[in-house]
């Protein structure tokens, strides 16, 4: 397959597919790109004339969509037409952790991937390059190829693995200036075709080609290593609190070692997002399936440490508020798993809130980008309480000052920059006394907060 790629279809208009295709469309105006999804409301949001109301918030994304949409970037629910016309098909659908059957709680659920493969096989009448963009367990490509090659309609399919290495909140910059682009495959022409697209704006020395299995495993391993660093520094944060050390000072000291580096050494209430936990659990599941139990135990400890950090933070709030939060109002600043995104998947805030709600705390939640219905949906999904109980105990507000009125404490759960700019003197006046701030992101200045009169707690101090 040597012909130039003229039309691309991306199945999945989520956090990966939407931004990735928008940037490719901007950088490759001669390629027609259609992003398809069966979720009509999501596609309608991508097509909203007001680009500030896109379904995904990423700094810089709205401008790119505004430039490319309608020129060579299209969002549609007509999946069959897009598949039929495309030379290259990206699969960018959700691969959540299974919540049923074998591998429940650890293995990736590949039912959406398989549905995509079967749909492509059924519709395609011409040769296609099929690109795995979703985070997938090792050797998924073999299953994809097996489905596609056994359709009996004479179409040739070439499978490539092209994992994303995007950090939410900086996804656009990560796409425009990637550390590397990884392409795994067996067919040289297909690899060249995909590499040629990225070469429109990425230098060749940053485009790495591997076999399929190495590419798939590299994605899981990269996220596992990053998450491991977060859990490592979080484990030290607890030791710092007991010994009188300061975790920021420790992180700075070890981060200046060139062998270690400073990134991902920021102690916090815990990591969240769609990738870290899911990919580590996937790695654990794969290791156990090969009877590599010591390997599985090692990586599982990263998850256990992350869960411990969230529970420890919530426990500290309860203990500090005289061992009970029943009937007490606690303001939660932040719900997204990190700043500059409206994504809440596996957000530490959800689990801290759930823990406090189990103790009958009354929570008032403010996040600048997460809508009210999403916050309630996240709590309802846990099935810890009925939806009615969640709505009795939880209030979601759009004004940060409204959240703190008569509150006993504030828990900072996302590192939004705007929290640093608030009038904290006014906030203290609005709260019950003594006024407590529990900073789960080490965002605020202890000296300033204590000078105002707050009882201030930050992780690792």
Protein backbone atom coordinates (compact mmCIF):
# COMPACT_ATOMS: atom_id res chain seq x y z
CA UNK A 1 0.00 0.00 0.00
CA UNK A 2 2.08 2.90 -1.30
CA UNK A 3 -0.56 5.47 -2.13
CA UNK A 4 -0.66 8.80 -0.31
CA UNK A 5 -3.14 9.03 2.54
CA UNK A 6 -5.95 11.36 1.47
CA UNK A 7 -8.74 10.49 3.90
CA UNK A 8 -8.56 9.50 7.56
CA UNK A 9 -11.38 8.22 9.75
CA UNK A 10 -11.05 8.22 13.53
CA UNK A 11 -13.53 6.09 15.46
CA UNK A 12 -13.98 7.72 18.86
CA UNK A 13 -14.42 11.44 19.58
CA UNK A 14 -13.10 11.39 23.14
CA UNK A 15 -10.07 12.76 24.96
CA UNK A 16 -7.60 11.14 22.57
CA UNK A 17 -9.40 11.08 19.22
CA UNK A 18 -10.75 14.63 19.28
CA UNK A 19 -7.54 16.55 20.09
CA UNK A 20 -5.25 14.23 18.08
CA UNK A 21 -7.29 14.47 14.90
CA UNK A 22 -7.74 18.23 15.34
CA UNK A 23 -3.97 18.75 15.42
CA UNK A 24 -3.36 16.40 12.47
CA UNK A 25 -6.03 18.28 10.51
CA UNK A 26 -4.41 21.61 11.32
CA UNK A 27 -0.93 20.40 10.35
CA UNK A 28 -2.05 18.43 7.26
CA UNK A 29 -4.64 20.60 5.45
CA UNK A 30 -4.50 18.34 2.37
CA UNK A 31 -5.84 15.33 4.33
CA UNK A 32 -9.58 15.07 4.97
CA UNK A 33 -10.21 13.87 8.52
CA UNK A 34 -13.57 12.66 9.83
CA UNK A 35 -14.00 11.90 13.52
CA UNK A 36 -16.97 9.60 14.11
CA UNK A 37 -18.78 8.52 17.24
CA UNK A 38 -22.13 6.87 17.93
CA UNK A 39 -22.72 9.36 20.77
CA UNK A 40 -24.84 11.98 19.02
CA UNK A 41 -24.63 14.56 21.81
CA UNK A 42 -20.82 14.38 21.82
CA UNK A 43 -20.64 14.91 18.05
CA UNK A 44 -23.12 17.79 18.35
CA UNK A 45 -20.85 19.36 20.98
CA UNK A 46 -17.81 19.05 18.68
CA UNK A 47 -19.86 20.78 15.96
CA UNK A 48 -21.06 23.58 18.26
CA UNK A 49 -20.60 26.95 16.57
CA UNK A 50 -19.22 28.24 19.87
CA UNK A 51 -15.85 26.48 20.13
CA UNK A 52 -15.67 27.42 23.81
CA UNK A 53 -18.36 24.79 24.39
CA UNK A 54 -16.45 21.80 22.99
CA UNK A 55 -16.97 18.57 25.00
CA UNK A 56 -13.30 18.54 25.98
CA UNK A 57 -11.45 21.42 27.58
CA UNK A 58 -7.78 21.65 26.65
CA UNK A 59 -5.82 24.91 26.46
CA UNK A 60 -5.40 25.87 22.79
CA UNK A 61 -7.78 23.22 21.43
CA UNK A 62 -10.67 25.57 20.62
CA UNK A 63 -8.49 27.71 18.31
CA UNK A 64 -7.24 24.65 16.41
CA UNK A 65 -10.76 23.27 15.95
CA UNK A 66 -11.98 26.69 14.80
CA UNK A 67 -9.23 26.78 12.17
CA UNK A 68 -9.65 23.27 10.76
CA UNK A 69 -13.31 22.40 11.27
CA UNK A 70 -15.29 22.59 8.05
CA UNK A 71 -12.09 22.85 6.00
CA UNK A 72 -10.65 19.37 6.39
CA UNK A 73 -11.85 18.39 9.87
CA UNK A 74 -15.35 16.95 10.27
CA UNK A 75 -17.28 15.38 13.14
CA UNK A 76 -20.03 12.93 12.23
CA UNK A 77 -22.22 10.06 13.42
CA UNK A 78 -22.12 8.46 9.95
CA UNK A 79 -19.56 5.82 10.90
CA UNK A 80 -20.13 3.58 7.88
CA UNK A 81 -19.51 6.32 5.32
CA UNK A 82 -16.32 7.47 7.04
CA UNK A 83 -14.94 3.92 7.26
CA UNK A 84 -15.80 3.18 3.64
CA UNK A 85 -14.04 6.30 2.29
CA UNK A 86 -10.94 6.27 4.52
CA UNK A 87 -7.46 5.13 3.53
CA UNK A 88 -6.42 5.04 7.19
CA UNK A 89 -8.62 4.32 10.22
CA UNK A 90 -7.65 5.27 13.76
CA UNK A 91 -9.34 3.31 16.54
CA UNK A 92 -9.62 5.60 19.54
CA UNK A 93 -12.44 4.13 21.59
CA UNK A 94 -12.58 3.61 25.34
CA UNK A 95 -10.75 0.62 26.83
CA UNK A 96 -11.89 0.71 30.48
CA UNK A 97 -10.87 -1.79 33.13
CA UNK A 98 -13.27 -4.75 33.12
CA UNK A 99 -15.93 -4.67 35.82
CA UNK A 100 -17.18 -8.19 35.15
CA UNK A 101 -15.98 -11.75 34.58
CA UNK A 102 -12.41 -12.98 34.19
CA UNK A 103 -9.90 -10.25 34.88
CA UNK A 104 -12.51 -8.08 36.65
CA UNK A 105 -10.87 -5.03 38.18
CA UNK A 106 -7.59 -5.42 36.29
CA UNK A 107 -7.84 -6.53 32.65
CA UNK A 108 -8.75 -4.06 29.91
CA UNK A 109 -12.25 -4.44 28.49
CA UNK A 110 -11.75 -4.84 24.74
CA UNK A 111 -15.38 -5.19 23.69
CA UNK A 112 -15.43 -1.74 22.04
CA UNK A 113 -12.21 -2.49 20.16
CA UNK A 114 -13.63 -5.77 18.87
CA UNK A 115 -16.87 -4.09 17.81
CA UNK A 116 -14.80 -1.55 15.85
CA UNK A 117 -12.82 -4.30 14.13
CA UNK A 118 -15.96 -6.18 13.15
CA UNK A 119 -17.59 -3.00 11.85
CA UNK A 120 -14.51 -2.13 9.77
CA UNK A 121 -14.37 -5.68 8.40
CA UNK A 122 -18.03 -5.59 7.46
CA UNK A 123 -17.94 -2.21 5.72
CA UNK A 124 -14.50 -2.00 4.07
CA UNK A 125 -14.32 -2.61 0.31
CA UNK A 126 -10.78 -1.31 -0.21
CA UNK A 127 -7.41 -1.83 1.51
CA UNK A 128 -7.06 -0.03 4.85
CA UNK A 129 -4.36 0.85 7.34
CA UNK A 130 -5.86 0.37 10.82
CA UNK A 131 -4.12 2.27 13.63
CA UNK A 132 -4.53 1.38 17.31
CA UNK A 133 -4.66 4.70 19.14
CA UNK A 134 -6.42 3.47 22.29
CA UNK A 135 -4.31 2.17 25.17
CA UNK A 136 -4.35 -1.57 24.69
CA UNK A 137 -2.88 -4.67 26.31
CA UNK A 138 0.02 -6.34 24.56
CA UNK A 139 -0.89 -8.53 21.57
CA UNK A 140 -4.28 -6.87 20.96
CA UNK A 141 -3.12 -6.22 17.40
CA UNK A 142 -3.05 -9.98 16.83
CA UNK A 143 -6.72 -10.22 17.78
CA UNK A 144 -7.57 -7.24 15.57
CA UNK A 145 -5.73 -8.74 12.62
CA UNK A 146 -7.40 -12.10 13.15
CA UNK A 147 -10.86 -10.53 12.96
CA UNK A 148 -10.03 -8.33 9.97
CA UNK A 149 -8.22 -11.01 7.95
CA UNK A 150 -11.01 -13.54 8.31
CA UNK A 151 -13.77 -11.52 6.70
CA UNK A 152 -13.34 -13.28 3.38
CA UNK A 153 -13.97 -10.16 1.28
CA UNK A 154 -10.44 -9.88 -0.11
CA UNK A 155 -9.57 -6.56 1.56
CA UNK A 156 -6.01 -6.18 2.89
CA UNK A 157 -5.65 -4.69 6.37
CA UNK A 158 -2.37 -3.48 7.85
CA UNK A 159 -2.39 -3.03 11.63
CA UNK A 160 -0.25 -0.37 13.29
CA UNK A 161 0.17 0.55 16.96
CA UNK A 162 0.51 4.31 17.51
CA UNK A 163 0.01 4.90 21.25
CA UNK A 164 -0.66 8.39 22.55
CA UNK A 165 1.59 9.97 25.16
CA UNK A 166 -0.61 12.94 26.03
CA UNK A 167 -0.90 14.60 29.40
CA UNK A 168 -4.31 16.16 29.90
CA UNK A 169 -4.06 19.90 30.35
CA UNK A 170 -1.08 20.02 27.97
CA UNK A 171 -2.41 17.69 25.24
CA UNK A 172 -2.21 20.25 22.43
CA UNK A 173 1.42 21.10 23.19
CA UNK A 174 2.19 17.40 23.60
CA UNK A 175 0.79 16.80 20.11
CA UNK A 176 2.53 19.77 18.53
CA UNK A 177 5.90 19.15 20.22
CA UNK A 178 6.03 15.45 21.16
CA UNK A 179 8.99 13.87 22.96
CA UNK A 180 8.54 11.01 20.49
CA UNK A 181 6.03 9.46 18.13
CA UNK A 182 5.93 5.68 18.42
CA UNK A 183 4.77 3.51 15.51
CA UNK A 184 4.73 -0.26 15.79
CA UNK A 185 3.94 -2.52 12.88
CA UNK A 186 4.97 -5.29 10.52
CA UNK A 187 4.29 -3.70 7.13
CA UNK A 188 6.98 -1.22 6.07
CA UNK A 189 4.75 0.66 3.64
CA UNK A 190 2.02 1.16 6.24
CA UNK A 191 4.58 2.42 8.78
CA UNK A 192 6.00 4.83 6.19
CA UNK A 193 2.51 6.14 5.36
CA UNK A 194 1.75 6.97 9.00
CA UNK A 195 5.23 8.40 9.63
CA UNK A 196 4.82 10.67 6.60
CA UNK A 197 1.77 12.28 8.22
CA UNK A 198 3.67 13.11 11.42
CA UNK A 199 6.69 14.32 9.45
CA UNK A 200 4.61 17.36 8.42
CA UNK A 201 5.52 18.84 11.80
CA UNK A 202 7.62 16.32 13.77
CA UNK A 203 11.31 15.80 13.01
CA UNK A 204 12.22 12.31 11.77
CA UNK A 205 14.57 11.67 14.68
CA UNK A 206 11.60 11.81 17.06
CA UNK A 207 9.62 9.16 15.16
CA UNK A 208 10.45 5.71 16.54
CA UNK A 209 9.44 2.52 14.76
CA UNK A 210 9.23 -0.85 16.52
CA UNK A 211 7.43 -4.16 16.20
CA UNK A 212 3.77 -4.22 17.26
CA UNK A 213 4.31 -5.82 20.62
CA UNK A 214 7.08 -3.44 21.70
CA UNK A 215 4.90 -0.46 20.82
CA UNK A 216 1.94 -1.75 22.81
CA UNK A 217 4.06 -2.62 25.85
CA UNK A 218 5.93 0.71 25.71
CA UNK A 219 2.71 2.60 26.36
CA UNK A 220 1.79 0.55 29.42
CA UNK A 221 5.34 0.72 30.74
CA UNK A 222 5.67 4.49 30.30
CA UNK A 223 2.53 5.14 32.34
CA UNK A 224 3.56 2.57 34.94
CA UNK A 225 6.94 4.25 35.42
CA UNK A 226 5.36 7.71 35.75
CA UNK A 227 2.75 6.51 38.23
CA UNK A 228 5.44 4.68 40.18
CA UNK A 229 7.28 7.98 40.71
CA UNK A 230 4.11 9.63 42.06
CA UNK A 231 3.48 6.78 44.50
CA UNK A 232 7.15 6.74 45.49
CA UNK A 233 7.22 10.41 46.49
CA UNK A 234 3.79 10.05 48.14
CA UNK A 235 5.13 7.23 50.29
CA UNK A 236 7.95 9.54 51.39
CA UNK A 237 5.44 12.34 52.12
CA UNK A 238 3.97 10.28 54.96
CA UNK A 239 7.44 9.66 56.39
CA UNK A 240 8.17 13.40 56.14
CA UNK A 241 5.12 14.23 58.23
CA UNK A 242 6.25 11.86 60.98
CA UNK A 243 9.89 12.97 61.05
CA UNK A 244 9.61 16.72 60.51
CA UNK A 245 11.13 16.66 57.03
CA UNK A 246 9.55 18.62 54.16
CA UNK A 247 8.65 16.56 51.10
CA UNK A 248 9.20 19.51 48.73
CA UNK A 249 12.74 19.88 50.01
CA UNK A 250 13.35 16.15 49.68
CA UNK A 251 11.91 16.12 46.14
CA UNK A 252 14.08 19.07 45.12
CA UNK A 253 17.20 17.45 46.52
CA UNK A 254 16.70 14.11 44.79
CA UNK A 255 15.27 15.69 41.63
CA UNK A 256 18.55 17.52 40.99
CA UNK A 257 20.23 14.13 40.57
CA UNK A 258 20.50 13.83 36.77
CA UNK A 259 19.86 10.11 37.03
CA UNK A 260 16.46 10.76 38.63
CA UNK A 261 15.23 14.14 37.37
CA UNK A 262 12.57 16.39 38.86
CA UNK A 263 9.42 15.44 36.93
CA UNK A 264 6.57 13.58 38.64
CA UNK A 265 8.03 14.12 42.10
CA UNK A 266 5.23 16.41 43.30
CA UNK A 267 3.58 14.95 46.40
CA UNK A 268 -0.20 15.11 46.32
CA UNK A 269 -3.42 13.46 47.39
CA UNK A 270 -2.83 10.92 44.63
CA UNK A 271 -2.80 10.46 40.87
CA UNK A 272 -5.95 10.07 38.80
CA UNK A 273 -6.90 10.16 35.14
CA UNK A 274 -7.85 7.54 32.62
CA UNK A 275 -4.42 5.99 32.06
CA UNK A 276 -2.20 5.44 35.09
CA UNK A 277 -4.41 3.16 37.17
CA UNK A 278 -5.93 1.38 34.19
CA UNK A 279 -2.56 0.68 32.56
CA UNK A 280 -0.89 -0.52 35.75
CA UNK A 281 -3.80 -2.85 36.51
CA UNK A 282 -3.51 -4.11 32.95
CA UNK A 283 0.21 -4.71 33.44
CA UNK A 284 -0.54 -6.55 36.70
CA UNK A 285 -3.10 -8.72 34.92
CA UNK A 286 -0.73 -9.57 32.06
CA UNK A 287 2.08 -10.45 34.50
CA UNK A 288 -0.21 -12.72 36.52
CA UNK A 289 -1.47 -14.41 33.33
CA UNK A 290 2.14 -15.45 32.68
CA UNK A 291 2.56 -16.51 36.35
CA UNK A 292 4.96 -13.63 36.99
CA UNK A 293 3.55 -13.02 40.46
CA UNK A 294 6.51 -11.07 41.87
CA UNK A 295 6.34 -8.70 38.89
CA UNK A 296 2.58 -8.30 39.40
CA UNK A 297 2.96 -7.69 43.14
CA UNK A 298 5.61 -5.02 42.50
CA UNK A 299 3.42 -2.96 40.17
CA UNK A 300 0.24 -3.53 42.17
CA UNK A 301 1.90 -1.82 45.12
CA UNK A 302 1.92 1.45 43.11
CA UNK A 303 -1.90 1.33 43.04
CA UNK A 304 -2.15 0.35 46.71
CA UNK A 305 0.07 3.29 47.68
CA UNK A 306 -2.10 5.64 45.63
CA UNK A 307 -5.28 4.39 47.32
CA UNK A 308 -3.61 4.72 50.72
CA UNK A 309 -2.69 8.34 50.05
CA UNK A 310 -6.30 9.28 49.29
CA UNK A 311 -7.66 7.50 52.38
CA UNK A 312 -4.90 8.96 54.54
CA UNK A 313 -5.76 12.49 53.41
CA UNK A 314 -9.47 12.00 54.17
CA UNK A 315 -8.65 10.38 57.52
CA UNK A 316 -6.53 13.35 58.48
CA UNK A 317 -9.45 15.71 57.82
CA UNK A 318 -11.68 13.62 60.07
CA UNK A 319 -9.12 13.36 62.88
CA UNK A 320 -8.30 17.07 62.77
CA UNK A 321 -11.98 18.04 62.92
CA UNK A 322 -12.16 16.42 66.37
CA UNK A 323 -12.72 12.89 65.04
CA UNK A 324 -16.07 13.58 63.45
CA UNK A 325 -17.28 15.29 60.29
CA UNK A 326 -20.91 14.23 60.67
CA UNK A 327 -23.09 17.21 59.84
CA UNK A 328 -20.05 19.41 59.21
CA UNK A 329 -19.77 21.39 55.99
CA UNK A 330 -16.58 20.81 54.02
CA UNK A 331 -15.86 22.80 50.87
CA UNK A 332 -14.10 20.83 48.14
CA UNK A 333 -12.11 22.99 45.74
CA UNK A 334 -11.58 20.98 42.56
CA UNK A 335 -13.07 17.82 41.07
CA UNK A 336 -11.08 17.27 37.85
CA UNK A 337 -8.16 14.88 38.26
CA UNK A 338 -5.73 17.69 37.38
CA UNK A 339 -5.87 21.35 36.39
CA UNK A 340 -6.64 22.55 32.86
CA UNK A 341 -8.94 19.64 32.03
CA UNK A 342 -12.58 18.78 32.62
CA UNK A 343 -11.76 15.06 32.85
CA UNK A 344 -12.69 13.45 36.18
CA UNK A 345 -11.83 9.81 35.47
CA UNK A 346 -10.28 8.22 38.57
CA UNK A 347 -9.93 11.68 40.13
CA UNK A 348 -8.63 11.59 43.69
CA UNK A 349 -11.40 14.05 44.56
CA UNK A 350 -14.08 11.41 43.96
CA UNK A 351 -12.58 8.99 46.46
CA UNK A 352 -11.76 11.59 49.11
CA UNK A 353 -15.33 12.88 48.84
CA UNK A 354 -16.75 9.36 49.03
CA UNK A 355 -14.73 8.64 52.16
CA UNK A 356 -15.96 11.84 53.83
CA UNK A 357 -19.55 11.17 52.78
CA UNK A 358 -19.37 7.77 54.46
CA UNK A 359 -18.83 9.75 57.66
CA UNK A 360 -21.95 11.87 56.91
CA UNK A 361 -20.00 15.02 56.03
CA UNK A 362 -21.92 17.64 54.05
CA UNK A 363 -19.86 18.56 50.99
CA UNK A 364 -20.06 21.68 48.85
CA UNK A 365 -18.09 21.20 45.64
CA UNK A 366 -16.68 23.78 43.25
CA UNK A 367 -14.71 23.14 40.07
CA UNK A 368 -14.28 25.76 37.33
CA UNK A 369 -14.73 23.33 34.43
CA UNK A 370 -16.60 20.20 35.60
CA UNK A 371 -20.40 20.43 35.22
CA UNK A 372 -22.73 19.62 38.10
CA UNK A 373 -24.27 16.55 36.46
CA UNK A 374 -20.81 15.00 35.99
CA UNK A 375 -19.96 15.40 39.68
CA UNK A 376 -23.15 13.65 40.77
CA UNK A 377 -22.66 10.95 38.12
CA UNK A 378 -19.14 10.22 39.42
CA UNK A 379 -20.45 9.72 42.96
CA UNK A 380 -23.47 7.68 41.82
CA UNK A 381 -21.18 5.38 39.79
CA UNK A 382 -19.49 4.16 42.97
CA UNK A 383 -22.83 2.80 44.29
CA UNK A 384 -21.72 3.61 47.84
CA UNK A 385 -24.96 5.47 48.48
CA UNK A 386 -28.20 6.00 46.62
CA UNK A 387 -28.40 8.97 44.23
CA UNK A 388 -30.90 10.52 46.65
CA UNK A 389 -28.40 10.29 49.54
CA UNK A 390 -25.66 11.83 47.39
CA UNK A 391 -27.90 14.78 46.56
CA UNK A 392 -28.84 15.19 50.21
CA UNK A 393 -25.22 15.37 51.33
CA UNK A 394 -23.60 17.06 48.31
CA UNK A 395 -24.18 20.54 46.89
CA UNK A 396 -22.43 21.69 43.71
CA UNK A 397 -21.93 25.43 43.27
CA UNK A 398 -20.58 27.69 40.52
CA UNK A 399 -19.22 30.35 42.88
CA UNK A 400 -16.14 29.48 44.96
CA UNK A 401 -17.16 31.95 47.67
CA UNK A 402 -20.57 30.32 47.96
CA UNK A 403 -18.80 27.02 48.65
CA UNK A 404 -16.99 28.27 51.75
CA UNK A 405 -19.85 30.05 53.55
CA UNK A 406 -20.12 28.57 57.07
CA UNK A 407 -17.74 25.75 56.10
CA UNK A 408 -15.69 24.06 58.81
CA UNK A 409 -12.89 23.23 56.38
CA UNK A 410 -11.68 23.48 52.80
CA UNK A 411 -10.12 20.53 50.97
CA UNK A 412 -8.08 21.47 47.89
CA UNK A 413 -8.29 18.49 45.57
CA UNK A 414 -7.25 19.90 42.16
CA UNK A 415 -4.33 22.27 41.55
CA UNK A 416 -6.30 24.94 39.63
CA UNK A 417 -4.19 28.11 39.40
CA UNK A 418 -7.20 30.30 40.16
CA UNK A 419 -7.32 28.98 43.74
CA UNK A 420 -4.04 30.82 44.43
CA UNK A 421 -5.59 34.14 43.39
CA UNK A 422 -8.57 34.07 45.77
CA UNK A 423 -9.06 36.55 48.61
CA UNK A 424 -8.21 34.14 51.40
CA UNK A 425 -8.78 36.79 54.06
CA UNK A 426 -12.41 37.04 52.90
CA UNK A 427 -12.67 33.26 52.73
CA UNK A 428 -11.62 32.97 56.37
CA UNK A 429 -14.26 35.51 57.38
CA UNK A 430 -16.94 33.44 55.61
CA UNK A 431 -15.97 30.19 57.36
CA UNK A 432 -16.65 28.82 60.81
CA UNK A 433 -13.79 29.19 63.31
CA UNK A 434 -11.29 27.72 63.65
CA UNK A 435 -10.98 27.64 59.85
CA UNK A 436 -9.11 24.67 58.41
CA UNK A 437 -7.48 24.28 54.98
CA UNK A 438 -6.35 20.82 53.87
CA UNK A 439 -4.16 21.30 50.82
CA UNK A 440 -4.04 18.04 48.88
CA UNK A 441 -2.03 19.62 46.08
CA UNK A 442 0.47 21.70 48.06
CA UNK A 443 -0.82 24.68 46.11
CA UNK A 444 -0.95 27.48 48.66
CA UNK A 445 1.66 29.29 50.73
CA UNK A 446 1.68 28.01 54.31
CA UNK A 447 3.16 31.23 55.72
CA UNK A 448 0.47 33.39 54.07
CA UNK A 449 -2.41 31.12 55.11
CA UNK A 450 -1.23 30.79 58.69
CA UNK A 451 -0.64 34.56 58.80
CA UNK A 452 -4.31 35.07 57.95
CA UNK A 453 -5.23 32.72 60.78
CA UNK A 454 -6.00 29.43 59.07
CA UNK A 455 -5.16 26.03 60.50
CA UNK A 456 -3.25 24.78 57.46
CA UNK A 457 -2.27 21.21 56.55
CA UNK A 458 -0.29 20.22 53.45
CA UNK A 459 0.80 16.74 52.49
CA UNK A 460 4.39 15.93 53.36
CA UNK A 461 4.99 18.73 55.88
